[in-house]
Amino acid sequence: MSEASRHPALVEFDEDQLRITVQRAELAARIDRYAGHDGTHATVVPQLSLIKATRVDQPVHVLHRAAVCIVVQGSKWVLLNNELCVYDAATCLVVSHDLPLTGQVIAASPDVPYLALRLDLDLEEIAALSREIGDHPVADHPVASRGIYAQEAGAMLLGSVLRLVKLIESPADAAVLAPLVTREIFYRLLTSSAGGGLRQMARMDSVGRRVARAIAWVRERRDRPILLSDMARDLRMGVSSLRRHFKAVTAMTPMQYQSRLRLQEARRILLIDGVDAAQAGRRVGYQSTARFAREYGCLFGSAPARDAKHLRERQLTAGSAA
C-alpha cells in the first residue's frame, strides 16, 4: 500500500501548478498596484496594457486588435458574432486578427477585482520568429481556424509575462529588455500545443495572412459599398474561396464585418459628437436611416438616440463615483 493510500490527507505535490499559482498571485498584486483604478492603462512597454475592474458592468463593443489577453483574477466572456468564449485565470485568449468583439467582465468586486493584461501582437515579428523556429514539435492539437481562441496559460508563458510586467518599474531597463521578453512570449505562444493557429497566421502564404489582408481591405472601405468580386480581384483570390476563408476566421461575411465596423463607429459618433441618428448613419455609409436604426438596435439593444443617452448617463455616474 502506498503512503498516499495509508494517509488520505497526503496528495501528490504538483510543482508546476504551485509555480502557476505563485506567478498569478504576483501578477495580480502588480497589476492591482500599477493599474490603480478601473480601466485600461498604458504602460512604459508600448504593446502592454493593464486592465482592472472592480464591478461587473455592461457589455463593451470594440474592434479588438490582434493581441494575447491574460486574466490573472476574475473572468470574462467575449462574443464573436454569435460565438461565445469564456476565459479566466486558467486560460489566456489569443486574438490573431483585428476582430469586432463584444466583451463583458463577469467576475469582479472591490475586494476581488478583475485583473488582466493585454499584449498586442506584432505579426511581422511573429512571422520572422516562426520562420526561425521552423517545424517545432508540439503536442497533437487541432489548428484553430477562428481568429480567436483560448489556450492554457502555463508556467513558462506566465513566467515570461511576469518578467515583462516587472519591467514597468524600470523604464530604462524596459527600453532595452522589453523587446527581448516580448519575443520570448511570442515564442511560448508559437510553441504551445494551441499555437498552430498563430503559426498558420504567421506564414506569408497562409489563409490567415490572406484573411488579414481582406480585413484591412474592408476596413479601408468601411463607409463605402463593397463588392466581393472587386475584393477578390484586388486580393487575387476566388470569390467563393474568399467568402469561405473570411467567414472561417471571423465568423461573419465581409459585409457583416463591415456592418459591425460601421455600427461601432456610429455609436462613437453619437456619443462624442452628439449628432442625430440620421447624421451618424450617413457618416458611416448608411443610405437608409430606417435600416441604420434597425441594425443598430439589433446590435446594441436600443434605438440610437436612447442608447447614446444611456451611455452618457453611465459615464456621468462613473465619473461621479470615481
Protein backbone atom coordinates (compact mmCIF):
# COMPACT_ATOMS: atom_id res chain seq x y z
CA MET A 1 0.00 0.00 0.00
CA SER A 2 1.35 3.42 -0.96
CA GLU A 3 2.00 6.23 1.51
CA ALA A 4 -0.83 8.29 -0.04
CA SER A 5 -3.25 5.34 0.32
CA ARG A 6 -2.39 4.89 4.02
CA HIS A 7 -2.75 8.65 4.63
CA PRO A 8 -5.60 10.13 2.57
CA ALA A 9 -4.60 13.66 3.60
CA LEU A 10 -1.41 13.26 1.58
CA VAL A 11 -1.81 14.25 -2.06
CA GLU A 12 0.65 14.28 -4.90
CA PHE A 13 2.68 17.50 -4.95
CA ASP A 14 2.29 19.36 -8.25
CA GLU A 15 5.29 21.67 -8.51
CA ASP A 16 4.19 23.14 -11.85
CA GLN A 17 0.74 24.05 -10.52
CA LEU A 18 2.33 25.65 -7.47
CA ARG A 19 4.54 27.80 -9.73
CA ILE A 20 1.47 28.89 -11.71
CA THR A 21 -0.40 29.82 -8.52
CA VAL A 22 2.54 31.90 -7.26
CA GLN A 23 3.00 33.59 -10.65
CA ARG A 24 -0.67 34.52 -10.89
CA ALA A 25 -0.64 35.90 -7.35
CA GLU A 26 2.38 38.12 -8.08
CA LEU A 27 0.93 39.27 -11.41
CA ALA A 28 -2.36 40.10 -9.69
CA ALA A 29 -0.59 42.12 -6.98
CA ARG A 30 1.45 44.07 -9.52
CA ILE A 31 -1.46 44.78 -11.87
CA ASP A 32 -3.62 45.87 -8.94
CA ARG A 33 -0.87 48.25 -7.78
CA TYR A 34 0.13 49.62 -11.19
CA ALA A 35 -3.42 50.00 -12.56
CA GLY A 36 -4.71 51.86 -9.52
CA HIS A 37 -8.28 52.41 -10.70
CA ASP A 38 -10.76 50.81 -13.06
CA GLY A 39 -9.98 50.97 -16.76
CA THR A 40 -7.31 50.07 -19.30
CA HIS A 41 -3.89 51.53 -18.56
CA ALA A 42 -0.97 52.01 -20.97
CA THR A 43 2.50 51.18 -19.68
CA VAL A 44 6.11 52.04 -20.49
CA VAL A 45 6.07 48.91 -22.67
CA PRO A 46 4.23 50.20 -25.78
CA GLN A 47 2.49 46.91 -26.58
CA LEU A 48 1.44 46.18 -23.00
CA SER A 49 -1.75 47.39 -21.28
CA LEU A 50 -3.07 46.56 -17.80
CA ILE A 51 -6.79 46.18 -17.09
CA LYS A 52 -8.69 46.47 -13.83
CA ALA A 53 -12.42 46.33 -12.97
CA THR A 54 -13.99 46.34 -9.53
CA ARG A 55 -17.54 45.71 -10.73
CA VAL A 56 -19.47 43.84 -13.39
CA ASP A 57 -20.54 46.42 -15.97
CA GLN A 58 -22.43 46.44 -19.26
CA PRO A 59 -21.06 44.61 -22.33
CA VAL A 60 -18.47 46.59 -24.32
CA HIS A 61 -18.26 46.57 -28.11
CA VAL A 62 -14.77 47.08 -29.57
CA LEU A 63 -12.67 46.46 -32.63
CA HIS A 64 -10.09 44.29 -30.90
CA ARG A 65 -6.56 44.39 -32.26
CA ALA A 66 -4.52 41.21 -32.64
CA ALA A 67 -3.35 40.51 -29.09
CA VAL A 68 -2.95 37.98 -26.31
CA CYS A 69 -5.08 38.67 -23.24
CA ILE A 70 -4.23 37.04 -19.92
CA VAL A 71 -6.59 37.14 -16.94
CA VAL A 72 -4.94 36.63 -13.56
CA GLN A 73 -8.01 37.25 -11.40
CA GLY A 74 -11.73 37.15 -12.22
CA SER A 75 -13.29 36.09 -15.51
CA LYS A 76 -14.77 37.49 -18.71
CA TRP A 77 -16.74 36.44 -21.76
CA VAL A 78 -16.25 37.63 -25.33
CA LEU A 79 -18.60 37.22 -28.24
CA LEU A 80 -17.53 36.96 -31.88
CA ASN A 81 -20.72 37.37 -33.88
CA ASN A 82 -22.82 34.69 -32.12
CA GLU A 83 -19.97 32.57 -30.76
CA LEU A 84 -19.24 32.79 -27.03
CA CYS A 85 -15.85 32.26 -25.38
CA VAL A 86 -15.43 32.41 -21.59
CA TYR A 87 -11.95 32.69 -20.12
CA ASP A 88 -10.42 33.17 -16.67
CA ALA A 89 -7.16 32.76 -14.80
CA ALA A 90 -6.73 29.22 -16.11
CA THR A 91 -6.56 30.34 -19.73
CA CYS A 92 -5.41 33.14 -21.98
CA LEU A 93 -7.20 34.48 -25.04
CA VAL A 94 -5.39 34.83 -28.36
CA VAL A 95 -6.90 37.19 -30.93
CA SER A 96 -4.91 36.66 -34.12
CA HIS A 97 -6.82 39.15 -36.33
CA ASP A 98 -8.47 42.54 -35.87
CA LEU A 99 -11.99 41.50 -34.91
CA PRO A 100 -15.16 43.32 -33.79
CA LEU A 101 -15.88 41.74 -30.41
CA THR A 102 -18.35 42.17 -27.60
CA GLY A 103 -16.96 41.52 -24.13
CA GLN A 104 -18.10 41.64 -20.52
CA VAL A 105 -16.34 41.08 -17.21
CA ILE A 106 -18.43 38.55 -15.29
CA ALA A 107 -16.49 38.18 -12.02
CA ALA A 108 -15.26 41.35 -10.28
CA SER A 109 -15.73 43.16 -6.98
CA PRO A 110 -13.92 45.85 -4.94
CA ASP A 111 -12.44 43.11 -2.73
CA VAL A 112 -11.53 40.77 -5.60
CA PRO A 113 -11.18 42.90 -8.74
CA TYR A 114 -10.90 41.61 -12.28
CA LEU A 115 -7.23 41.92 -13.23
CA ALA A 116 -5.78 41.23 -16.67
CA LEU A 117 -3.22 42.35 -19.20
CA ARG A 118 -3.20 42.70 -22.96
CA LEU A 119 -0.10 42.35 -25.12
CA ASP A 120 -0.57 43.47 -28.73
CA LEU A 121 0.80 41.01 -31.24
CA ASP A 122 3.46 42.12 -33.71
CA LEU A 123 2.59 39.82 -36.60
CA GLU A 124 5.75 40.64 -38.57
CA GLU A 125 7.89 39.76 -35.55
CA ILE A 126 5.87 36.58 -35.05
CA ALA A 127 6.29 35.66 -38.73
CA ALA A 128 10.07 36.12 -38.52
CA LEU A 129 10.21 34.10 -35.31
CA SER A 130 8.06 31.36 -36.82
CA ARG A 131 10.45 31.03 -39.76
CA GLU A 132 13.38 30.84 -37.35
CA ILE A 133 11.70 28.15 -35.27
CA GLY A 134 10.67 26.04 -38.24
CA ASP A 135 8.56 22.95 -37.59
CA HIS A 136 8.74 22.93 -33.81
CA PRO A 137 7.40 19.68 -32.31
CA VAL A 138 4.24 20.32 -30.30
CA ALA A 139 1.53 18.16 -28.80
CA ASP A 140 -1.14 16.98 -31.19
CA HIS A 141 -3.78 19.71 -31.23
CA PRO A 142 -6.17 20.86 -33.95
CA VAL A 143 -5.24 24.12 -35.64
CA ALA A 144 -7.69 26.86 -34.75
CA SER A 145 -9.40 28.31 -37.81
CA ARG A 146 -11.11 31.10 -35.89
CA GLY A 147 -9.20 34.32 -35.36
CA ILE A 148 -9.84 33.98 -31.62
CA TYR A 149 -9.23 31.05 -29.30
CA ALA A 150 -8.44 30.28 -25.67
CA GLN A 151 -5.48 28.23 -24.52
CA GLU A 152 -3.88 27.20 -21.25
CA ALA A 153 -1.71 29.82 -19.54
CA GLY A 154 1.13 27.58 -18.39
CA ALA A 155 4.07 28.25 -16.10
CA MET A 156 6.56 29.02 -18.89
CA LEU A 157 4.25 31.60 -20.51
CA LEU A 158 3.29 33.20 -17.18
CA GLY A 159 6.96 33.39 -16.17
CA SER A 160 7.77 35.36 -19.32
CA VAL A 161 4.76 37.61 -18.81
CA LEU A 162 5.75 38.27 -15.19
CA ARG A 163 9.24 39.36 -16.29
CA LEU A 164 7.67 41.79 -18.77
CA VAL A 165 5.33 43.28 -16.17
CA LYS A 166 8.22 43.73 -13.71
CA LEU A 167 9.94 45.98 -16.29
CA ILE A 168 7.20 48.59 -15.76
CA GLU A 169 9.11 49.68 -12.63
CA SER A 170 12.26 50.41 -14.64
CA PRO A 171 11.63 52.34 -17.88
CA ALA A 172 15.36 52.39 -18.73
CA ASP A 173 15.54 48.59 -18.49
CA ALA A 174 12.23 48.24 -20.32
CA ALA A 175 13.53 50.15 -23.34
CA VAL A 176 16.24 47.52 -23.85
CA LEU A 177 14.79 44.33 -22.39
CA ALA A 178 11.05 44.53 -23.20
CA PRO A 179 11.54 43.62 -26.90
CA LEU A 180 13.54 40.54 -25.84
CA VAL A 181 10.96 39.40 -23.28
CA THR A 182 8.11 40.11 -25.70
CA ARG A 183 9.85 37.92 -28.27
CA GLU A 184 10.09 35.17 -25.64
CA ILE A 185 6.33 35.45 -25.02
CA PHE A 186 5.65 35.14 -28.74
CA TYR A 187 7.92 32.06 -28.77
CA ARG A 188 5.93 30.49 -25.91
CA LEU A 189 2.69 31.11 -27.79
CA LEU A 190 4.01 29.73 -31.07
CA THR A 191 5.38 26.55 -29.49
CA SER A 192 2.40 25.85 -27.25
CA SER A 193 0.02 22.99 -28.03
CA ALA A 194 -2.55 25.55 -29.25
CA GLY A 195 -0.05 27.63 -31.22
CA GLY A 196 -0.91 26.16 -34.61
CA GLY A 197 -3.39 28.92 -35.39
CA LEU A 198 -0.81 31.61 -34.71
CA ARG A 199 1.85 29.75 -36.70
CA GLN A 200 -0.56 29.47 -39.60
CA MET A 201 -1.28 33.19 -39.36
CA ALA A 202 2.46 33.92 -39.46
CA ARG A 203 3.10 32.19 -42.81
CA MET A 204 3.11 34.68 -45.69
CA ASP A 205 1.18 32.35 -48.00
CA SER A 206 -1.32 31.18 -45.39
CA VAL A 207 -5.08 31.57 -45.35
CA GLY A 208 -4.73 33.58 -42.14
CA ARG A 209 -2.49 36.19 -43.78
CA ARG A 210 -4.80 36.47 -46.78
CA VAL A 211 -7.79 36.98 -44.49
CA ALA A 212 -5.80 39.65 -42.61
CA ARG A 213 -5.33 41.48 -45.91
CA ALA A 214 -9.05 41.07 -46.64
CA ILE A 215 -9.90 42.55 -43.23
CA ALA A 216 -7.65 45.55 -43.94
CA TRP A 217 -9.35 45.93 -47.35
CA VAL A 218 -12.80 46.09 -45.71
CA ARG A 219 -11.65 48.50 -43.00
CA GLU A 220 -10.26 50.91 -45.59
CA ARG A 221 -13.66 50.92 -47.32
CA ARG A 222 -15.81 50.94 -44.19
CA ASP A 223 -18.05 53.79 -45.36
CA ARG A 224 -18.34 52.66 -49.00
CA PRO A 225 -20.32 49.89 -50.70
CA ILE A 226 -18.16 46.84 -51.37
CA LEU A 227 -18.47 44.06 -53.92
CA LEU A 228 -16.98 40.65 -53.26
CA SER A 229 -15.86 40.47 -56.89
CA ASP A 230 -13.81 43.67 -56.50
CA MET A 231 -12.40 42.46 -53.20
CA ALA A 232 -11.45 39.05 -54.63
CA ARG A 233 -9.80 40.63 -57.66
CA ASP A 234 -7.71 43.03 -55.58
CA LEU A 235 -6.65 40.23 -53.23
CA ARG A 236 -6.10 37.72 -56.07
CA MET A 237 -8.50 35.19 -54.62
CA GLY A 238 -11.57 33.43 -55.96
CA VAL A 239 -14.89 34.82 -54.73
CA SER A 240 -16.06 31.56 -53.15
CA SER A 241 -12.65 30.93 -51.57
CA LEU A 242 -12.56 34.47 -50.17
CA ARG A 243 -16.06 34.18 -48.70
CA ARG A 244 -15.34 30.77 -47.15
CA HIS A 245 -11.98 31.66 -45.60
CA PHE A 246 -13.13 35.07 -44.36
CA LYS A 247 -16.05 33.53 -42.53
CA ALA A 248 -13.92 30.68 -41.15
CA VAL A 249 -11.65 33.22 -39.41
CA THR A 250 -14.10 35.99 -38.45
CA ALA A 251 -17.39 34.03 -38.07
CA MET A 252 -19.03 36.56 -40.40
CA THR A 253 -19.14 37.55 -44.05
CA PRO A 254 -17.21 40.61 -45.31
CA MET A 255 -20.49 42.56 -45.45
CA GLN A 256 -21.38 41.59 -41.89
CA TYR A 257 -17.88 42.59 -40.77
CA GLN A 258 -18.26 45.97 -42.49
CA SER A 259 -21.68 46.48 -40.91
CA ARG A 260 -20.26 45.78 -37.44
CA LEU A 261 -17.47 48.31 -38.01
CA ARG A 262 -19.97 50.91 -39.21
CA LEU A 263 -22.25 50.46 -36.22
CA GLN A 264 -19.40 50.65 -33.71
CA GLU A 265 -18.14 53.86 -35.33
CA ALA A 266 -21.66 55.29 -35.44
CA ARG A 267 -22.03 54.64 -31.72
CA ARG A 268 -18.80 56.53 -31.08
CA ILE A 269 -20.02 59.44 -33.24
CA LEU A 270 -23.36 59.58 -31.42
CA LEU A 271 -21.64 59.64 -28.05
CA ILE A 272 -18.79 62.05 -28.83
CA ASP A 273 -20.21 64.39 -31.49
CA GLY A 274 -23.82 64.48 -30.28
CA VAL A 275 -25.33 64.29 -33.78
CA ASP A 276 -28.70 62.70 -34.52
CA ALA A 277 -29.17 59.15 -35.80
CA ALA A 278 -29.63 60.18 -39.43
CA GLN A 279 -26.33 62.09 -39.48
CA ALA A 280 -24.42 59.33 -37.69
CA GLY A 281 -25.77 56.73 -40.09
CA ARG A 282 -24.82 58.78 -43.16
CA ARG A 283 -21.33 59.45 -41.87
CA VAL A 284 -20.57 55.72 -41.64
CA GLY A 285 -22.10 54.88 -45.02
CA TYR A 286 -25.79 54.08 -44.43
CA GLN A 287 -28.12 55.47 -47.10
CA SER A 288 -31.27 54.45 -45.22
CA THR A 289 -31.88 55.85 -41.72
CA ALA A 290 -34.51 53.16 -41.08
CA ARG A 291 -32.06 50.39 -41.91
CA PHE A 292 -29.38 52.02 -39.76
CA ALA A 293 -31.73 52.30 -36.78
CA ARG A 294 -32.89 48.69 -37.21
CA GLU A 295 -29.36 47.23 -37.39
CA TYR A 296 -28.17 49.49 -34.57
CA GLY A 297 -30.97 48.28 -32.31
CA CYS A 298 -30.23 44.64 -33.13
CA LEU A 299 -26.58 45.04 -32.09
CA PHE A 300 -26.80 47.42 -29.13
CA GLY A 301 -30.27 46.61 -27.81
CA SER A 302 -31.96 50.01 -28.19
CA ALA A 303 -32.55 52.85 -30.66
CA PRO A 304 -29.52 55.07 -31.44
CA ALA A 305 -30.68 58.19 -29.54
CA ARG A 306 -31.80 56.22 -26.48
CA ASP A 307 -28.58 54.21 -26.44
CA ALA A 308 -26.40 57.33 -26.67
CA LYS A 309 -28.35 58.96 -23.82
CA HIS A 310 -27.88 55.85 -21.68
CA LEU A 311 -24.14 55.77 -22.40
CA ARG A 312 -23.73 59.43 -21.39
CA GLU A 313 -25.61 58.80 -18.15
CA ARG A 314 -23.36 55.83 -17.38
CA GLN A 315 -20.28 57.98 -17.99
CA LEU A 316 -21.57 60.67 -15.64
CA THR A 317 -22.37 58.08 -12.96
CA ALA A 318 -18.93 56.50 -13.30
CA GLY A 319 -17.28 59.93 -13.16
CA SER A 320 -19.11 60.95 -10.00
CA ALA A 321 -18.26 57.65 -8.33
CA ALA A 322 -14.56 57.87 -9.17
